[in-house]
Amino acid sequence: MLGKTANGLYWMFRYLERAENTSRLVETGQRIGLTRLGQDDDEWGSVMQSASVLNGYNASHDEVTKDAAIDWMLRSKDNPASVLSTISEARQNARMVRTALTHEVWEAMNGCYMAAREALARKVSERDLPAVLGLIRQRTALVRGATHGTMLRNDIYNFVRIGTFLERADATGRILDVKYYVLLPSAMAVGSSIDNVHWETILRSVSARGGFRMAYGSQVNAHDIAQFLILDRRMPRSLNFCATKIHANLRHLATDYGTEPQSLVMSQTLVDRFLKHDIDSVFDYGLHEYIQTVLSTLGRLGGQIEKDYRFYE
């Protein structure tokens, strides 16, 4: 099952995951802003830079403000990466591959689109923002739940999972980069109370606070959180976990089709990168530089998958 159907499934779930992760970035910016009194708008340019939507914003806005940034990221039709735009694209891809989906998955996807369209029909007030962000996460999770509960574990499912985990790894890397590279006030703040508040905000933004406390206890520090979000194979949004799942699903596809494509080799190299490093060596190398290397590798891997499985033929 190659070509356009694979392309539609892969991008349906990439867009769905992107919508959820954009909502998580908005929440990250909102929470970090609450710890930076007097700098309410300062972090939003950095958040949009991390989401790769700052250039588009600057082309149509004179200045960066919190309200305009949130509106741009959540509902602007001029922003192809806004939550509303990506959920619309996910639904469009679902329509293209309707016969490859179960009834439950299609209904969940359609319901997600209608709920998002209603919630984002007008500018979201600060009072309503937490509820809207929660709705987006709940509705995207419902689509994933229907997928895991009803779809056959065949090549269709493998493309679904690959798209999901490529997008999720990219988002976790970007959220980490927002914190450590862009939003940290200065080197003097490393290890301070505000630094630890920011790290705990990152845990919240990827729904990892409870899991972190189970693994490491209640003390929050940069070393353990970076270990958890980059290298921990138990944490479902860690870079290592996502890379491992991508490789596993590519291996299933290789077995199904009797091939060993270049993307499988690349994914093994990516997994090896995590296995061969501990968190101290990551910090010695430079957290920002390490994350950027992983993100660029993920981008090349995504392009190679599209080539190997002839998405556009």
C-alpha atoms as a PDB file:
ATOM      1  CA  MET A   1       0.000   0.000   0.000  1.00  0.00           C
ATOM      2  CA  LEU A   2       2.142   2.814  -1.346  1.00  0.00           C
ATOM      3  CA  GLY A   3       1.781   6.235  -2.907  1.00  0.00           C
ATOM      4  CA  LYS A   4      -1.094   8.603  -2.295  1.00  0.00           C
ATOM      5  CA  THR A   5      -2.870   6.550   0.361  1.00  0.00           C
ATOM      6  CA  ALA A   6       0.295   6.281   2.431  1.00  0.00           C
ATOM      7  CA  ASN A   7       0.862   9.995   1.943  1.00  0.00           C
ATOM      8  CA  GLY A   8      -2.670  10.844   3.085  1.00  0.00           C
ATOM      9  CA  LEU A   9      -2.464   8.726   6.241  1.00  0.00           C
ATOM     10  CA  TYR A  10       1.023   9.898   7.134  1.00  0.00           C
ATOM     11  CA  TRP A  11       0.089  13.575   6.802  1.00  0.00           C
ATOM     12  CA  MET A  12      -3.311  13.212   8.421  1.00  0.00           C
ATOM     13  CA  PHE A  13      -1.649  12.126  11.643  1.00  0.00           C
ATOM     14  CA  ARG A  14       1.256  14.549  11.335  1.00  0.00           C
ATOM     15  CA  TYR A  15      -1.213  17.423  11.057  1.00  0.00           C
ATOM     16  CA  LEU A  16      -3.278  16.090  13.951  1.00  0.00           C
ATOM     17  CA  GLU A  17      -0.216  15.802  16.164  1.00  0.00           C
ATOM     18  CA  ARG A  18       0.956  19.257  15.026  1.00  0.00           C
ATOM     19  CA  ALA A  19      -2.336  20.808  16.104  1.00  0.00           C
ATOM     20  CA  GLU A  20      -2.005  19.326  19.571  1.00  0.00           C
ATOM     21  CA  ASN A  21       1.639  20.314  19.857  1.00  0.00           C
ATOM     22  CA  THR A  22       0.945  23.885  18.771  1.00  0.00           C
ATOM     23  CA  SER A  23      -1.616  24.112  21.555  1.00  0.00           C
ATOM     24  CA  ARG A  24       1.060  22.820  23.943  1.00  0.00           C
ATOM     25  CA  LEU A  25       3.498  25.505  22.764  1.00  0.00           C
ATOM     26  CA  VAL A  26       0.843  28.163  23.374  1.00  0.00           C
ATOM     27  CA  GLU A  27       0.345  26.804  26.883  1.00  0.00           C
ATOM     28  CA  THR A  28       4.116  26.820  27.425  1.00  0.00           C
ATOM     29  CA  GLY A  29       4.325  30.472  26.443  1.00  0.00           C
ATOM     30  CA  GLN A  30       1.349  31.329  28.615  1.00  0.00           C
ATOM     31  CA  ARG A  31       2.755  29.596  31.698  1.00  0.00           C
ATOM     32  CA  ILE A  32       6.262  30.960  31.288  1.00  0.00           C
ATOM     33  CA  GLY A  33       4.806  34.437  30.773  1.00  0.00           C
ATOM     34  CA  LEU A  34       3.173  34.207  34.188  1.00  0.00           C
ATOM     35  CA  THR A  35       6.624  33.833  35.765  1.00  0.00           C
ATOM     36  CA  ARG A  36       8.062  36.846  33.942  1.00  0.00           C
ATOM     37  CA  LEU A  37       6.196  39.831  35.313  1.00  0.00           C
ATOM     38  CA  GLY A  38       6.677  42.948  33.230  1.00  0.00           C
ATOM     39  CA  GLN A  39       7.751  40.923  30.168  1.00  0.00           C
ATOM     40  CA  ASP A  40       4.325  39.647  29.164  1.00  0.00           C
ATOM     41  CA  ASP A  41       4.812  39.923  25.392  1.00  0.00           C
ATOM     42  CA  ASP A  42       8.544  39.253  25.225  1.00  0.00           C
ATOM     43  CA  GLU A  43       8.448  35.482  24.997  1.00  0.00           C
ATOM     44  CA  TRP A  44       5.854  35.188  22.226  1.00  0.00           C
ATOM     45  CA  GLY A  45       8.262  35.981  19.418  1.00  0.00           C
ATOM     46  CA  SER A  46      10.458  33.181  20.744  1.00  0.00           C
ATOM     47  CA  VAL A  47       7.541  30.769  20.963  1.00  0.00           C
ATOM     48  CA  MET A  48       6.544  31.536  17.366  1.00  0.00           C
ATOM     49  CA  GLN A  49      10.167  31.194  16.267  1.00  0.00           C
ATOM     50  CA  SER A  50      10.251  27.750  17.824  1.00  0.00           C
ATOM     51  CA  ALA A  51       7.048  26.814  15.998  1.00  0.00           C
ATOM     52  CA  SER A  52       8.538  28.146  12.716  1.00  0.00           C
ATOM     53  CA  VAL A  53       5.683  30.618  12.252  1.00  0.00           C
ATOM     54  CA  LEU A  54       7.401  33.887  13.212  1.00  0.00           C
ATOM     55  CA  ASN A  55       8.263  34.976   9.659  1.00  0.00           C
ATOM     56  CA  GLY A  56       4.667  34.615   8.535  1.00  0.00           C
ATOM     57  CA  TYR A  57       3.488  36.548  11.575  1.00  0.00           C
ATOM     58  CA  ASN A  58       5.941  39.383  10.968  1.00  0.00           C
ATOM     59  CA  ALA A  59       4.816  39.661   7.346  1.00  0.00           C
ATOM     60  CA  SER A  60       1.306  40.623   8.449  1.00  0.00           C
ATOM     61  CA  HIS A  61       1.856  42.270  11.871  1.00  0.00           C
ATOM     62  CA  ASP A  62       3.775  45.356  12.932  1.00  0.00           C
ATOM     63  CA  GLU A  63       4.681  44.114  16.406  1.00  0.00           C
ATOM     64  CA  VAL A  64       4.565  41.001  18.543  1.00  0.00           C
ATOM     65  CA  THR A  65       1.883  41.004  21.209  1.00  0.00           C
ATOM     66  CA  LYS A  66       0.590  38.161  23.299  1.00  0.00           C
ATOM     67  CA  ASP A  67      -3.001  38.365  22.037  1.00  0.00           C
ATOM     68  CA  ALA A  68      -2.027  38.585  18.373  1.00  0.00           C
ATOM     69  CA  ALA A  69       0.511  35.758  18.707  1.00  0.00           C
ATOM     70  CA  ILE A  70      -1.989  33.424  20.355  1.00  0.00           C
ATOM     71  CA  ASP A  71      -4.596  34.244  17.720  1.00  0.00           C
ATOM     72  CA  TRP A  72      -2.051  33.613  14.949  1.00  0.00           C
ATOM     73  CA  MET A  73      -1.052  30.246  16.378  1.00  0.00           C
ATOM     74  CA  LEU A  74      -4.548  29.040  17.206  1.00  0.00           C
ATOM     75  CA  ARG A  75      -6.924  30.214  14.509  1.00  0.00           C
ATOM     76  CA  SER A  76      -5.452  32.372  11.755  1.00  0.00           C
ATOM     77  CA  LYS A  77      -6.382  31.130   8.298  1.00  0.00           C
ATOM     78  CA  ASP A  78      -3.307  32.964   6.983  1.00  0.00           C
ATOM     79  CA  ASN A  79      -1.083  30.720   9.113  1.00  0.00           C
ATOM     80  CA  PRO A  80      -0.931  27.218   7.572  1.00  0.00           C
ATOM     81  CA  ALA A  81       0.478  25.892  10.873  1.00  0.00           C
ATOM     82  CA  SER A  82      -2.288  27.267  13.119  1.00  0.00           C
ATOM     83  CA  VAL A  83      -4.317  24.764  15.097  1.00  0.00           C
ATOM     84  CA  LEU A  84      -7.419  25.417  13.005  1.00  0.00           C
ATOM     85  CA  SER A  85      -5.473  25.135   9.732  1.00  0.00           C
ATOM     86  CA  THR A  86      -3.741  21.886  10.663  1.00  0.00           C
ATOM     87  CA  ILE A  87      -6.912  20.227  11.967  1.00  0.00           C
ATOM     88  CA  SER A  88      -8.624  21.241   8.721  1.00  0.00           C
ATOM     89  CA  GLU A  89      -5.758  19.691   6.750  1.00  0.00           C
ATOM     90  CA  ALA A  90      -5.934  16.522   8.854  1.00  0.00           C
ATOM     91  CA  ARG A  91      -9.635  16.192   8.082  1.00  0.00           C
ATOM     92  CA  GLN A  92      -9.025  16.824   4.378  1.00  0.00           C
ATOM     93  CA  ASN A  93      -6.430  14.065   4.300  1.00  0.00           C
ATOM     94  CA  ALA A  94      -8.842  11.803   6.181  1.00  0.00           C
ATOM     95  CA  ARG A  95     -11.450  12.399   3.472  1.00  0.00           C
ATOM     96  CA  MET A  96      -8.907  11.457   0.806  1.00  0.00           C
ATOM     97  CA  VAL A  97      -8.187   8.101   2.488  1.00  0.00           C
ATOM     98  CA  ARG A  98     -11.655   7.520   3.936  1.00  0.00           C
ATOM     99  CA  THR A  99     -11.788   3.880   2.850  1.00  0.00           C
ATOM    100  CA  ALA A 100      -8.510   3.157   4.698  1.00  0.00           C
ATOM    101  CA  LEU A 101      -9.972   4.340   8.018  1.00  0.00           C
ATOM    102  CA  THR A 102     -12.447   2.640  10.306  1.00  0.00           C
ATOM    103  CA  HIS A 103     -15.802   4.298  10.890  1.00  0.00           C
ATOM    104  CA  GLU A 104     -14.775   5.180  14.449  1.00  0.00           C
ATOM    105  CA  VAL A 105     -11.598   6.948  13.337  1.00  0.00           C
ATOM    106  CA  TRP A 106     -13.449   8.962  10.700  1.00  0.00           C
ATOM    107  CA  GLU A 107     -16.158   9.970  13.164  1.00  0.00           C
ATOM    108  CA  ALA A 108     -13.560  11.019  15.746  1.00  0.00           C
ATOM    109  CA  MET A 109     -11.650  13.048  13.152  1.00  0.00           C
ATOM    110  CA  ASN A 110     -14.779  14.746  11.880  1.00  0.00           C
ATOM    111  CA  GLY A 111     -15.886  15.495  15.442  1.00  0.00           C
ATOM    112  CA  CYS A 112     -12.460  16.943  16.223  1.00  0.00           C
ATOM    113  CA  TYR A 113     -12.711  19.285  13.249  1.00  0.00           C
ATOM    114  CA  MET A 114     -16.217  20.472  14.111  1.00  0.00           C
ATOM    115  CA  ALA A 115     -15.346  21.054  17.775  1.00  0.00           C
ATOM    116  CA  ALA A 116     -12.194  23.002  16.859  1.00  0.00           C
ATOM    117  CA  ARG A 117     -14.039  25.089  14.279  1.00  0.00           C
ATOM    118  CA  GLU A 118     -16.665  26.041  16.847  1.00  0.00           C
ATOM    119  CA  ALA A 119     -14.159  26.770  19.633  1.00  0.00           C
ATOM    120  CA  LEU A 120     -11.959  28.859  17.331  1.00  0.00           C
ATOM    121  CA  ALA A 121     -14.731  30.655  15.445  1.00  0.00           C
ATOM    122  CA  ARG A 122     -13.788  33.851  17.258  1.00  0.00           C
ATOM    123  CA  LYS A 123     -10.782  35.212  19.107  1.00  0.00           C
ATOM    124  CA  VAL A 124     -10.141  33.241  22.284  1.00  0.00           C
ATOM    125  CA  SER A 125     -10.216  35.287  25.473  1.00  0.00           C
ATOM    126  CA  GLU A 126      -7.607  34.758  28.173  1.00  0.00           C
ATOM    127  CA  ARG A 127     -10.324  33.424  30.453  1.00  0.00           C
ATOM    128  CA  ASP A 128     -11.352  30.787  27.910  1.00  0.00           C
ATOM    129  CA  LEU A 129      -7.847  29.874  26.730  1.00  0.00           C
ATOM    130  CA  PRO A 130      -7.179  26.966  29.157  1.00  0.00           C
ATOM    131  CA  ALA A 131     -10.496  25.327  28.273  1.00  0.00           C
ATOM    132  CA  VAL A 132      -9.895  25.710  24.517  1.00  0.00           C
ATOM    133  CA  LEU A 133      -6.387  24.265  24.760  1.00  0.00           C
ATOM    134  CA  GLY A 134      -7.765  21.382  26.811  1.00  0.00           C
ATOM    135  CA  LEU A 135     -10.472  20.756  24.211  1.00  0.00           C
ATOM    136  CA  ILE A 136      -7.898  20.533  21.437  1.00  0.00           C
ATOM    137  CA  ARG A 137      -5.851  17.974  23.370  1.00  0.00           C
ATOM    138  CA  GLN A 138      -8.927  15.932  24.258  1.00  0.00           C
ATOM    139  CA  ARG A 139     -10.270  15.839  20.709  1.00  0.00           C
ATOM    140  CA  THR A 140      -6.950  14.881  19.125  1.00  0.00           C
ATOM    141  CA  ALA A 141      -6.492  12.205  21.786  1.00  0.00           C
ATOM    142  CA  LEU A 142      -9.922  10.811  20.886  1.00  0.00           C
ATOM    143  CA  VAL A 143      -8.805  10.313  17.277  1.00  0.00           C
ATOM    144  CA  ARG A 144      -5.667   8.521  18.455  1.00  0.00           C
ATOM    145  CA  GLY A 145      -7.703   6.372  20.824  1.00  0.00           C
ATOM    146  CA  ALA A 146     -10.103   5.338  18.063  1.00  0.00           C
ATOM    147  CA  THR A 147      -7.118   4.546  15.860  1.00  0.00           C
ATOM    148  CA  HIS A 148      -5.399   2.350  18.431  1.00  0.00           C
ATOM    149  CA  GLY A 149      -8.639   0.623  19.369  1.00  0.00           C
ATOM    150  CA  THR A 150     -10.064  -0.178  15.938  1.00  0.00           C
ATOM    151  CA  MET A 151      -7.444  -0.198  13.174  1.00  0.00           C
ATOM    152  CA  LEU A 152      -5.740  -3.296  11.830  1.00  0.00           C
ATOM    153  CA  ARG A 153      -2.009  -3.484  12.593  1.00  0.00           C
ATOM    154  CA  ASN A 154      -0.913  -3.425   8.961  1.00  0.00           C
ATOM    155  CA  ASP A 155       1.048  -1.038   6.744  1.00  0.00           C
ATOM    156  CA  ILE A 156      -1.704   1.586   7.132  1.00  0.00           C
ATOM    157  CA  TYR A 157      -1.174   1.600  10.881  1.00  0.00           C
ATOM    158  CA  ASN A 158       2.598   1.818  10.469  1.00  0.00           C
ATOM    159  CA  PHE A 159       2.345   4.983   8.379  1.00  0.00           C
ATOM    160  CA  VAL A 160      -0.045   6.437  10.955  1.00  0.00           C
ATOM    161  CA  ARG A 161       2.438   5.796  13.736  1.00  0.00           C
ATOM    162  CA  ILE A 162       5.453   7.064  11.803  1.00  0.00           C
ATOM    163  CA  GLY A 163       3.710  10.344  11.037  1.00  0.00           C
ATOM    164  CA  THR A 164       2.624  10.738  14.655  1.00  0.00           C
ATOM    165  CA  PHE A 165       6.023  10.099  16.196  1.00  0.00           C
ATOM    166  CA  LEU A 166       7.984  12.178  13.692  1.00  0.00           C
ATOM    167  CA  GLU A 167       5.794  15.148  14.524  1.00  0.00           C
ATOM    168  CA  ARG A 168       5.852  14.461  18.258  1.00  0.00           C
ATOM    169  CA  ALA A 169       9.640  14.214  18.415  1.00  0.00           C
ATOM    170  CA  ASP A 170       9.931  17.464  16.489  1.00  0.00           C
ATOM    171  CA  ALA A 171       7.558  19.168  18.939  1.00  0.00           C
ATOM    172  CA  THR A 172       9.329  17.917  22.066  1.00  0.00           C
ATOM    173  CA  GLY A 173      12.622  19.165  20.686  1.00  0.00           C
ATOM    174  CA  ARG A 174      11.130  22.558  19.894  1.00  0.00           C
ATOM    175  CA  ILE A 175       9.522  22.920  23.313  1.00  0.00           C
ATOM    176  CA  LEU A 176      12.862  22.133  24.966  1.00  0.00           C
ATOM    177  CA  ASP A 177      14.545  24.654  22.714  1.00  0.00           C
ATOM    178  CA  VAL A 178      12.028  27.364  23.641  1.00  0.00           C
ATOM    179  CA  LYS A 179      12.951  26.896  27.264  1.00  0.00           C
ATOM    180  CA  TYR A 180      16.671  26.491  27.256  1.00  0.00           C
ATOM    181  CA  TYR A 181      17.856  28.455  24.252  1.00  0.00           C
ATOM    182  CA  VAL A 182      15.374  31.267  23.794  1.00  0.00           C
ATOM    183  CA  LEU A 183      13.401  31.882  26.968  1.00  0.00           C
ATOM    184  CA  LEU A 184      16.076  31.548  29.621  1.00  0.00           C
ATOM    185  CA  PRO A 185      16.765  35.152  30.761  1.00  0.00           C
ATOM    186  CA  SER A 186      20.525  34.769  31.182  1.00  0.00           C
ATOM    187  CA  ALA A 187      23.255  32.357  32.172  1.00  0.00           C
ATOM    188  CA  MET A 188      22.950  33.778  35.687  1.00  0.00           C
ATOM    189  CA  ALA A 189      19.454  32.284  35.940  1.00  0.00           C
ATOM    190  CA  VAL A 190      20.609  28.693  35.426  1.00  0.00           C
ATOM    191  CA  GLY A 191      19.771  26.724  38.566  1.00  0.00           C
ATOM    192  CA  SER A 192      17.741  29.562  40.063  1.00  0.00           C
ATOM    193  CA  SER A 193      14.156  29.329  41.269  1.00  0.00           C
ATOM    194  CA  ILE A 194      12.842  30.875  38.036  1.00  0.00           C
ATOM    195  CA  ASP A 195      14.921  28.392  36.031  1.00  0.00           C
ATOM    196  CA  ASN A 196      13.317  25.488  37.908  1.00  0.00           C
ATOM    197  CA  VAL A 197       9.832  26.974  37.439  1.00  0.00           C
ATOM    198  CA  HIS A 198      10.488  27.091  33.697  1.00  0.00           C
ATOM    199  CA  TRP A 199      11.637  23.473  33.624  1.00  0.00           C
ATOM    200  CA  GLU A 200       8.526  22.374  35.517  1.00  0.00           C
ATOM    201  CA  THR A 201       6.459  24.326  32.975  1.00  0.00           C
ATOM    202  CA  ILE A 202       8.085  22.285  30.225  1.00  0.00           C
ATOM    203  CA  LEU A 203       7.058  19.083  32.018  1.00  0.00           C
ATOM    204  CA  ARG A 204       3.482  20.316  32.206  1.00  0.00           C
ATOM    205  CA  SER A 205       3.461  21.278  28.545  1.00  0.00           C
ATOM    206  CA  VAL A 206       4.184  17.692  27.463  1.00  0.00           C
ATOM    207  CA  SER A 207       1.958  16.083  30.116  1.00  0.00           C
ATOM    208  CA  ALA A 208       5.037  14.660  31.827  1.00  0.00           C
ATOM    209  CA  ARG A 209       4.861  16.142  35.327  1.00  0.00           C
ATOM    210  CA  GLY A 210       3.233  13.095  36.920  1.00  0.00           C
ATOM    211  CA  GLY A 211       5.508  10.635  35.148  1.00  0.00           C
ATOM    212  CA  PHE A 212       8.582  12.636  36.098  1.00  0.00           C
ATOM    213  CA  ARG A 213       7.611  12.630  39.768  1.00  0.00           C
ATOM    214  CA  MET A 214       7.086   8.870  39.676  1.00  0.00           C
ATOM    215  CA  ALA A 215      10.556   8.413  38.188  1.00  0.00           C
ATOM    216  CA  TYR A 216      12.569  11.122  39.954  1.00  0.00           C
ATOM    217  CA  GLY A 217      10.573  12.399  42.917  1.00  0.00           C
ATOM    218  CA  SER A 218       9.402  15.932  43.632  1.00  0.00           C
ATOM    219  CA  GLN A 219      12.738  17.748  43.222  1.00  0.00           C
ATOM    220  CA  VAL A 220      12.928  19.535  39.867  1.00  0.00           C
ATOM    221  CA  ASN A 221      16.235  20.189  38.133  1.00  0.00           C
ATOM    222  CA  ALA A 222      17.401  20.701  34.577  1.00  0.00           C
ATOM    223  CA  HIS A 223      19.599  17.595  34.481  1.00  0.00           C
ATOM    224  CA  ASP A 224      16.832  15.123  35.370  1.00  0.00           C
ATOM    225  CA  ILE A 225      14.167  16.792  33.242  1.00  0.00           C
ATOM    226  CA  ALA A 226      16.417  16.852  30.184  1.00  0.00           C
ATOM    227  CA  GLN A 227      17.252  13.188  30.812  1.00  0.00           C
ATOM    228  CA  PHE A 228      13.533  12.387  31.032  1.00  0.00           C
ATOM    229  CA  LEU A 229      12.477  14.298  27.907  1.00  0.00           C
ATOM    230  CA  ILE A 230      15.437  13.363  25.719  1.00  0.00           C
ATOM    231  CA  LEU A 231      16.734   9.926  26.693  1.00  0.00           C
ATOM    232  CA  ASP A 232      14.086   8.134  28.782  1.00  0.00           C
ATOM    233  CA  ARG A 233      12.608   5.266  26.760  1.00  0.00           C
ATOM    234  CA  ARG A 234       9.526   5.031  29.012  1.00  0.00           C
ATOM    235  CA  MET A 235       8.275   8.577  28.472  1.00  0.00           C
ATOM    236  CA  PRO A 236       5.944   8.617  25.397  1.00  0.00           C
ATOM    237  CA  ARG A 237       6.964  12.127  24.315  1.00  0.00           C
ATOM    238  CA  SER A 238      10.708  11.791  24.830  1.00  0.00           C
ATOM    239  CA  LEU A 239      12.959  12.070  21.796  1.00  0.00           C
ATOM    240  CA  ASN A 240      14.347   8.573  22.399  1.00  0.00           C
ATOM    241  CA  PHE A 241      10.892   6.990  22.749  1.00  0.00           C
ATOM    242  CA  CYS A 242       9.673   8.615  19.523  1.00  0.00           C
ATOM    243  CA  ALA A 243      12.794   7.662  17.561  1.00  0.00           C
ATOM    244  CA  THR A 244      12.533   4.062  18.774  1.00  0.00           C
ATOM    245  CA  LYS A 245       8.885   3.834  17.653  1.00  0.00           C
ATOM    246  CA  ILE A 246       9.659   5.354  14.255  1.00  0.00           C
ATOM    247  CA  HIS A 247      12.384   2.771  13.712  1.00  0.00           C
ATOM    248  CA  ALA A 248      10.147  -0.095  14.861  1.00  0.00           C
ATOM    249  CA  ASN A 249       7.371   0.861  12.436  1.00  0.00           C
ATOM    250  CA  LEU A 250       9.817   1.343   9.566  1.00  0.00           C
ATOM    251  CA  ARG A 251      11.180  -2.111  10.343  1.00  0.00           C
ATOM    252  CA  HIS A 252       7.648  -3.545  10.163  1.00  0.00           C
ATOM    253  CA  LEU A 253       7.183  -1.910   6.759  1.00  0.00           C
ATOM    254  CA  ALA A 254      10.523  -3.253   5.552  1.00  0.00           C
ATOM    255  CA  THR A 255       9.464  -6.752   6.596  1.00  0.00           C
ATOM    256  CA  ASP A 256       6.049  -6.401   4.938  1.00  0.00           C
ATOM    257  CA  TYR A 257       7.531  -5.222   1.631  1.00  0.00           C
ATOM    258  CA  GLY A 258      10.723  -7.303   1.687  1.00  0.00           C
ATOM    259  CA  THR A 259      12.960  -4.261   1.374  1.00  0.00           C
ATOM    260  CA  GLU A 260      15.523  -2.364   3.445  1.00  0.00           C
ATOM    261  CA  PRO A 261      15.066   1.285   2.440  1.00  0.00           C
ATOM    262  CA  GLN A 262      17.438   4.109   3.282  1.00  0.00           C
ATOM    263  CA  SER A 263      14.927   5.539   5.790  1.00  0.00           C
ATOM    264  CA  LEU A 264      15.267   2.381   7.907  1.00  0.00           C
ATOM    265  CA  VAL A 265      19.044   2.816   8.036  1.00  0.00           C
ATOM    266  CA  MET A 266      18.649   6.505   8.923  1.00  0.00           C
ATOM    267  CA  SER A 267      16.211   5.701  11.730  1.00  0.00           C
ATOM    268  CA  GLN A 268      18.642   3.161  13.202  1.00  0.00           C
ATOM    269  CA  THR A 269      21.358   5.830  13.168  1.00  0.00           C
ATOM    270  CA  LEU A 270      19.021   8.201  14.992  1.00  0.00           C
ATOM    271  CA  VAL A 271      18.232   5.602  17.665  1.00  0.00           C
ATOM    272  CA  ASP A 272      21.943   4.904  18.073  1.00  0.00           C
ATOM    273  CA  ARG A 273      22.521   8.605  18.730  1.00  0.00           C
ATOM    274  CA  PHE A 274      20.383   8.359  21.866  1.00  0.00           C
ATOM    275  CA  LEU A 275      21.815   5.032  23.008  1.00  0.00           C
ATOM    276  CA  LYS A 276      25.408   6.256  22.783  1.00  0.00           C
ATOM    277  CA  HIS A 277      24.981   9.471  24.778  1.00  0.00           C
ATOM    278  CA  ASP A 278      24.215  10.219  28.398  1.00  0.00           C
ATOM    279  CA  ILE A 279      22.708  13.506  29.493  1.00  0.00           C
ATOM    280  CA  ASP A 280      26.034  14.876  30.744  1.00  0.00           C
ATOM    281  CA  SER A 281      27.555  14.498  27.293  1.00  0.00           C
ATOM    282  CA  VAL A 282      24.482  16.216  25.819  1.00  0.00           C
ATOM    283  CA  PHE A 283      24.984  19.219  28.094  1.00  0.00           C
ATOM    284  CA  ASP A 284      28.723  19.223  27.346  1.00  0.00           C
ATOM    285  CA  TYR A 285      27.957  19.275  23.627  1.00  0.00           C
ATOM    286  CA  GLY A 286      25.346  21.998  24.126  1.00  0.00           C
ATOM    287  CA  LEU A 287      21.653  21.319  24.619  1.00  0.00           C
ATOM    288  CA  HIS A 288      20.539  23.729  21.906  1.00  0.00           C
ATOM    289  CA  GLU A 289      23.088  22.371  19.431  1.00  0.00           C
ATOM    290  CA  TYR A 290      22.138  18.774  20.257  1.00  0.00           C
ATOM    291  CA  ILE A 291      18.430  19.461  19.795  1.00  0.00           C
ATOM    292  CA  GLN A 292      19.011  21.274  16.515  1.00  0.00           C
ATOM    293  CA  THR A 293      21.014  18.308  15.242  1.00  0.00           C
ATOM    294  CA  VAL A 294      18.193  15.928  16.175  1.00  0.00           C
ATOM    295  CA  LEU A 295      15.569  18.187  14.559  1.00  0.00           C
ATOM    296  CA  SER A 296      17.500  18.428  11.298  1.00  0.00           C
ATOM    297  CA  THR A 297      17.953  14.631  11.307  1.00  0.00           C
ATOM    298  CA  LEU A 298      14.208  14.169  11.805  1.00  0.00           C
ATOM    299  CA  GLY A 299      13.542  16.496   8.885  1.00  0.00           C
ATOM    300  CA  ARG A 300      15.835  14.528   6.578  1.00  0.00           C
ATOM    301  CA  LEU A 301      14.320  11.253   7.770  1.00  0.00           C
ATOM    302  CA  GLY A 302      10.817  12.483   6.948  1.00  0.00           C
ATOM    303  CA  GLY A 303      11.931  13.451   3.455  1.00  0.00           C
ATOM    304  CA  GLN A 304      13.582  10.067   2.927  1.00  0.00           C
ATOM    305  CA  ILE A 305      10.432   8.223   4.009  1.00  0.00           C
ATOM    306  CA  GLU A 306       8.441  10.142   1.408  1.00  0.00           C
ATOM    307  CA  LYS A 307      10.991   9.112  -1.243  1.00  0.00           C
ATOM    308  CA  ASP A 308      11.217   5.478  -0.172  1.00  0.00           C
ATOM    309  CA  TYR A 309       7.468   4.960  -0.197  1.00  0.00           C
ATOM    310  CA  ARG A 310       6.765   7.086  -3.258  1.00  0.00           C
ATOM    311  CA  PHE A 311       4.212   9.343  -1.590  1.00  0.00           C
ATOM    312  CA  TYR A 312       3.683  11.558  -4.619  1.00  0.00           C
ATOM    313  CA  GLU A 313       3.407   8.996  -7.388  1.00  0.00           C
END
